[in-house]
Protein backbone atom coordinates (compact mmCIF):
# COMPACT_ATOMS: atom_id res chain seq x y z
CA MET A 1 84.28 65.51 122.40
CA SER A 2 87.64 63.77 122.58
CA ASP A 3 88.32 60.72 124.66
CA PRO A 4 90.63 61.54 127.62
CA LEU A 5 92.29 58.11 127.40
CA PHE A 6 92.96 58.41 123.67
CA PRO A 7 93.40 62.08 122.80
CA ALA A 8 93.61 63.21 119.21
CA PRO A 9 97.15 63.04 117.84
CA LYS A 10 99.09 66.29 117.99
CA TYR A 11 101.16 65.42 114.95
CA PRO A 12 99.95 64.78 111.40
CA VAL A 13 98.62 61.31 110.82
CA PRO A 14 100.66 59.45 108.14
CA ASP A 15 97.57 58.95 105.95
CA GLN A 16 96.89 62.67 105.73
CA PRO A 17 98.76 64.66 103.09
CA LYS A 18 101.08 67.38 104.31
CA PRO A 19 99.69 70.88 103.93
CA GLU A 20 100.99 72.66 100.86
CA LYS A 21 103.60 75.34 101.38
CA PRO A 22 102.50 78.77 100.26
CA PRO A 23 104.40 80.29 97.34
CA VAL A 24 107.24 82.59 98.31
CA PRO A 25 106.16 86.19 97.66
CA LYS A 26 108.38 88.39 95.52
CA GLU A 27 109.08 90.63 98.53
CA VAL A 28 110.64 87.71 100.42
CA ASN A 29 112.61 86.71 97.32
CA ILE A 30 113.90 90.26 97.00
CA ALA A 31 114.88 90.32 100.69
CA PHE A 32 116.63 86.96 100.21
CA ALA A 33 118.56 88.29 97.20
CA VAL A 34 119.53 91.39 99.15
CA TRP A 35 120.85 89.34 102.10
CA VAL A 36 122.79 87.02 99.79
CA PHE A 37 124.30 90.01 97.99
CA SER A 38 125.07 91.66 101.32
CA ALA A 39 126.80 88.57 102.74
CA VAL A 40 128.93 87.99 99.65
CA ALA A 41 129.79 91.66 99.06
CA SER A 42 130.59 92.23 102.72
CA ALA A 43 132.93 89.24 102.85
CA ILE A 44 134.75 90.37 99.70
CA VAL A 45 135.06 93.99 100.85
CA GLN A 46 136.31 92.99 104.27
CA ALA A 47 138.79 90.51 102.81
CA VAL A 48 140.23 93.16 100.49
CA ARG A 49 139.96 96.27 102.66
CA ASP A 50 140.10 95.16 106.29
CA ALA A 51 142.38 92.11 106.46
CA ASP A 52 145.66 94.02 106.73
CA VAL A 53 144.19 96.52 109.19
CA PHE A 54 142.94 93.68 111.39
CA VAL A 55 146.30 91.87 111.28
CA ASP A 56 148.22 95.06 112.10
CA GLN A 57 145.96 95.86 115.06
CA PHE A 58 146.14 92.28 116.31
CA MET A 59 149.94 92.21 116.07
CA ARG A 60 150.26 95.57 117.87
CA GLN A 61 147.93 94.46 120.64
CA TYR A 62 149.96 91.32 121.35
CA ALA A 63 153.43 92.76 120.65
CA ASN A 64 154.36 92.68 124.36
CA GLN A 65 153.74 88.93 124.63
CA PRO A 66 156.70 86.55 124.74
CA ALA A 67 157.80 85.42 121.28
CA ALA A 68 156.62 81.87 121.96
CA GLN A 69 153.04 83.11 122.46
CA GLN A 70 152.88 85.36 119.40
CA LEU A 71 151.18 84.16 116.25
CA PRO A 72 152.76 84.69 112.84
CA GLN A 73 151.07 87.32 110.64
CA GLY A 74 150.11 84.67 108.09
CA THR A 75 148.27 82.67 110.74
CA VAL A 76 146.36 85.72 111.96
CA LYS A 77 145.37 86.62 108.39
CA THR A 78 144.24 83.02 107.72
CA MET A 79 142.13 83.07 110.88
CA PHE A 80 140.57 86.36 109.71
CA TYR A 81 139.68 84.83 106.33
CA ILE A 82 138.25 81.70 107.95
CA ALA A 83 136.12 83.88 110.24
CA LEU A 84 134.87 85.82 107.20
CA VAL A 85 133.86 82.61 105.44
CA VAL A 86 132.10 81.23 108.54
CA VAL A 87 130.18 84.47 109.14
CA GLY A 88 129.28 84.68 105.43
CA LEU A 89 127.99 81.11 105.43
CA LEU A 90 125.96 81.76 108.56
CA MET A 91 124.39 84.82 106.95
CA LEU A 92 123.54 82.75 103.86
CA PHE A 93 122.03 80.05 106.08
CA PHE A 94 119.89 82.62 107.93
CA ALA A 95 118.78 84.14 104.62
CA TRP A 96 117.88 80.68 103.29
CA LYS A 97 115.85 79.89 106.41
CA MET A 98 114.14 83.29 106.20
CA ARG A 99 113.14 82.53 102.61
CA SER A 100 111.81 79.16 103.81
CA GLY A 101 109.37 80.96 106.11
CA ARG A 102 111.25 80.68 109.40
CA ASN A 103 110.35 83.74 111.44
CA TRP A 104 113.25 83.17 113.85
CA ALA A 105 115.63 83.71 110.92
CA ARG A 106 113.84 86.92 109.97
CA ILE A 107 114.14 88.16 113.55
CA LEU A 108 117.81 87.19 113.71
CA LEU A 109 118.57 88.95 110.41
CA THR A 110 116.74 92.00 111.73
CA ALA A 111 118.81 92.04 114.93
CA LEU A 112 122.05 91.62 112.98
CA ALA A 113 121.03 94.36 110.55
CA VAL A 114 120.15 96.80 113.33
CA PHE A 115 123.45 96.01 115.06
CA GLY A 116 125.28 96.64 111.78
CA LEU A 117 123.44 99.90 111.21
CA VAL A 118 124.24 101.13 114.72
CA ALA A 119 127.91 100.19 114.21
CA THR A 120 128.08 102.39 111.09
CA VAL A 121 126.83 105.55 112.81
CA GLY A 122 129.31 108.32 112.16
CA LEU A 123 130.99 106.65 109.18
CA THR A 124 130.43 108.55 105.95
CA ASP A 125 132.47 106.86 103.22
CA TRP A 126 130.54 105.78 100.12
CA LEU A 127 130.93 102.06 100.90
CA THR A 128 129.32 102.49 104.30
CA LEU A 129 126.45 104.48 102.82
CA ALA A 130 125.90 101.78 100.18
CA SER A 131 125.89 99.15 102.94
CA VAL A 132 123.25 101.12 104.86
CA VAL A 133 121.04 101.33 101.77
CA VAL A 134 121.37 97.58 101.08
CA THR A 135 120.67 96.68 104.71
CA ALA A 136 117.64 98.99 104.89
CA THR A 137 116.31 97.49 101.66
CA GLY A 138 116.54 93.97 103.09
CA LEU A 139 114.78 95.06 106.26
CA VAL A 140 111.97 96.84 104.44
CA TYR A 141 111.23 93.92 102.12
CA MET A 142 111.22 91.41 105.01
CA TYR A 143 108.42 93.33 106.72
CA MET A 144 106.15 94.31 103.82
CA PRO A 145 102.52 93.14 104.11
CA ALA A 146 102.99 90.21 101.72
CA SER A 147 106.08 89.11 103.66
CA ASN A 148 104.25 89.36 106.98
CA ALA A 149 101.42 87.22 105.63
CA TYR A 150 103.91 84.65 104.34
CA PHE A 151 105.63 84.31 107.71
CA ARG A 152 102.27 84.24 109.50
CA SER A 153 101.19 81.27 107.35
CA PHE A 154 103.95 79.15 108.90
CA ARG A 155 102.86 79.67 112.48
CA LYS A 156 101.77 76.51 114.17
CA VAL A 157 98.08 76.55 114.88
CA PRO A 158 97.10 74.89 118.16
CA PRO A 159 94.87 71.83 117.67
CA ALA A 160 91.14 72.42 117.89
CA ARG A 161 89.45 70.99 120.95
């Protein structure tokens, strides 16, 4: 029975060794590789294929603005590239955290993947189909039994009373 005035510490005592991290299962490593590939490939494809389309649409949308409020095309394209880099780095960060056993990152990647899959409904070019296959592969490997056990091992267990 614990003493109510001096309860057992909730955090690890400095003298106790930290629990060993479980090895990363191959399914999680495959999912990690898929998300890294997806982030890099997506950024490259969008930079090559979508930059000019984005700039043209942006310029048309704000064509009625006074000249002083319009941005030059080069600035808009630079902002597009910066946004691609930021989003790519965020995806890499989420993939890294997922590989480290963070379930919140797995859930976030799942939500982003589902959103991406829904956004591609109706598109039938080969690049979109390849993207769907890559995204589905990442999702499947993140939720295989070995992956589920790995993420479960990082859950915080409430202290015994």
